[in-house]
C-alpha atoms as a PDB file:
ATOM      1  CA  MET A   1       0.085  -0.015   0.119  1.00  0.00           C
ATOM      2  CA  PRO A   2       1.216   3.545  -0.709  1.00  0.00           C
ATOM      3  CA  HIS A   3       2.500   5.492   1.942  1.00  0.00           C
ATOM      4  CA  LEU A   4       1.412   9.576   2.346  1.00  0.00           C
ATOM      5  CA  TYR A   5       2.949  11.785   4.812  1.00  0.00           C
ATOM      6  CA  ILE A   6       0.610  14.408   6.576  1.00  0.00           C
ATOM      7  CA  CYS A   7       1.260  17.685   8.839  1.00  0.00           C
ATOM      8  CA  HIS A   8      -1.731  17.858  10.927  1.00  0.00           C
ATOM      9  CA  GLN A   9      -0.526  21.666  12.178  1.00  0.00           C
ATOM     10  CA  CYS A  10      -0.637  23.228   8.348  1.00  0.00           C
ATOM     11  CA  ARG A  11      -3.394  20.747   7.556  1.00  0.00           C
ATOM     12  CA  THR A  12      -1.470  19.738   4.474  1.00  0.00           C
ATOM     13  CA  ARG A  13      -0.725  16.395   3.030  1.00  0.00           C
ATOM     14  CA  ALA A  14       2.065  15.635   0.319  1.00  0.00           C
ATOM     15  CA  PRO A  15       1.484  15.826  -3.497  1.00  0.00           C
ATOM     16  CA  LYS A  16       2.795  11.815  -3.898  1.00  0.00           C
ATOM     17  CA  ARG A  17       2.261   8.819  -2.620  1.00  0.00           C
ATOM     18  CA  TRP A  18       5.236   6.564  -2.651  1.00  0.00           C
ATOM     19  CA  ASP A  19       5.316   3.136  -2.849  1.00  0.00           C
ATOM     20  CA  ARG A  20       8.150   2.796  -0.313  1.00  0.00           C
ATOM     21  CA  ARG A  21       7.926   4.170   3.111  1.00  0.00           C
ATOM     22  CA  GLU A  22      11.203   5.734   2.411  1.00  0.00           C
ATOM     23  CA  GLY A  23      10.179   8.005  -0.072  1.00  0.00           C
ATOM     24  CA  ALA A  24       7.124   9.778   2.522  1.00  0.00           C
ATOM     25  CA  GLU A  25       9.928  10.282   5.265  1.00  0.00           C
ATOM     26  CA  ALA A  26      12.212  12.255   2.822  1.00  0.00           C
ATOM     27  CA  ASP A  27       8.784  13.962   1.979  1.00  0.00           C
ATOM     28  CA  GLN A  28       8.527  14.675   5.677  1.00  0.00           C
ATOM     29  CA  GLN A  29      12.001  15.584   7.016  1.00  0.00           C
ATOM     30  CA  GLN A  30      11.710  18.131   4.079  1.00  0.00           C
ATOM     31  CA  HIS A  31       8.715  19.489   4.962  1.00  0.00           C
ATOM     32  CA  ARG A  32      10.096  19.775   8.591  1.00  0.00           C
ATOM     33  CA  ASP A  33      13.064  21.449   7.069  1.00  0.00           C
ATOM     34  CA  ASP A  34      11.164  24.304   4.883  1.00  0.00           C
ATOM     35  CA  ALA A  35       8.025  24.513   7.331  1.00  0.00           C
ATOM     36  CA  HIS A  36       9.196  23.976  10.767  1.00  0.00           C
ATOM     37  CA  GLY A  37      12.844  24.614  10.936  1.00  0.00           C
ATOM     38  CA  GLY A  38      13.671  21.389  11.042  1.00  0.00           C
ATOM     39  CA  HIS A  39      11.507  20.586  14.383  1.00  0.00           C
ATOM     40  CA  VAL A  40       8.829  18.414  14.897  1.00  0.00           C
ATOM     41  CA  PRO A  41       5.409  20.607  14.330  1.00  0.00           C
ATOM     42  CA  ILE A  42       3.649  20.848  17.610  1.00  0.00           C
ATOM     43  CA  GLY A  43       0.377  19.698  16.143  1.00  0.00           C
ATOM     44  CA  GLY A  44       1.659  16.728  14.778  1.00  0.00           C
ATOM     45  CA  ASP A  45       2.742  14.848  11.897  1.00  0.00           C
ATOM     46  CA  GLY A  46       2.977  11.230  10.378  1.00  0.00           C
ATOM     47  CA  ILE A  47       2.833   8.914   7.585  1.00  0.00           C
ATOM     48  CA  GLU A  48       0.460   6.918   6.068  1.00  0.00           C
ATOM     49  CA  THR A  49      -0.843   4.115   4.514  1.00  0.00           C
ATOM     50  CA  VAL A  50      -3.433   4.727   1.763  1.00  0.00           C
ATOM     51  CA  HIS A  51      -5.739   2.786  -0.316  1.00  0.00           C
ATOM     52  CA  ALA A  52      -3.850   2.789  -4.202  1.00  0.00           C
ATOM     53  CA  ASP A  53      -6.821   3.032  -5.799  1.00  0.00           C
ATOM     54  CA  SER A  54      -8.315   5.643  -3.690  1.00  0.00           C
ATOM     55  CA  ARG A  55      -9.231   8.458  -5.490  1.00  0.00           C
ATOM     56  CA  GLY A  56      -8.085  11.026  -2.955  1.00  0.00           C
ATOM     57  CA  ASP A  57     -11.611  11.600  -0.655  1.00  0.00           C
ATOM     58  CA  GLY A  58     -11.657   8.391   0.712  1.00  0.00           C
ATOM     59  CA  LEU A  59     -15.229   7.945  -1.284  1.00  0.00           C
ATOM     60  CA  LEU A  60     -15.030   4.976  -3.283  1.00  0.00           C
ATOM     61  CA  PRO A  61     -12.224   3.577  -5.260  1.00  0.00           C
ATOM     62  CA  ARG A  62     -12.169   4.136  -9.404  1.00  0.00           C
ATOM     63  CA  HIS A  63     -13.128   0.258 -10.252  1.00  0.00           C
ATOM     64  CA  THR A  64     -15.615   0.132  -7.535  1.00  0.00           C
ATOM     65  CA  PHE A  65     -17.502   3.472  -8.472  1.00  0.00           C
ATOM     66  CA  PHE A  66     -17.671   2.639 -12.232  1.00  0.00           C
ATOM     67  CA  ALA A  67     -19.109  -0.895 -10.795  1.00  0.00           C
ATOM     68  CA  VAL A  68     -21.574   0.458  -9.223  1.00  0.00           C
ATOM     69  CA  LEU A  69     -22.397   2.718 -11.699  1.00  0.00           C
ATOM     70  CA  PHE A  70     -22.658  -0.390 -14.470  1.00  0.00           C
ATOM     71  CA  LEU A  71     -24.855  -1.841 -11.966  1.00  0.00           C
ATOM     72  CA  LEU A  72     -27.030   1.038 -11.441  1.00  0.00           C
ATOM     73  CA  ALA A  73     -27.546   1.028 -15.589  1.00  0.00           C
ATOM     74  CA  LEU A  74     -28.470  -2.360 -15.828  1.00  0.00           C
ATOM     75  CA  VAL A  75     -31.176  -2.287 -13.062  1.00  0.00           C
ATOM     76  CA  LEU A  76     -32.213   1.224 -15.099  1.00  0.00           C
ATOM     77  CA  ALA A  77     -32.473  -0.714 -18.288  1.00  0.00           C
ATOM     78  CA  ASN A  78     -34.413  -3.638 -16.216  1.00  0.00           C
ATOM     79  CA  CYS A  79     -37.183  -1.189 -15.222  1.00  0.00           C
ATOM     80  CA  TRP A  80     -37.812   0.793 -18.876  1.00  0.00           C
ATOM     81  CA  ARG A  81     -38.115  -2.922 -20.336  1.00  0.00           C
ATOM     82  CA  GLY A  82     -41.812  -3.222 -19.701  1.00  0.00           C
END
């Protein structure tokens, strides 16, 4: 599962997801250096694992969304068949 750096104090997240944790840790250190003078943010930060197919908003993965849309189209087509 991909890893993503999130800074809770700044209410921001890294623009890129990394397959390896080391990439997200590099984002974490870069943000700490740039925004917090190398210190750990008081509001906290961390690296989270995220779903690979997530659209980013946590609603539905892309493939699931299209599967639900397809099933809905089948149901509606069956209703109009009369």
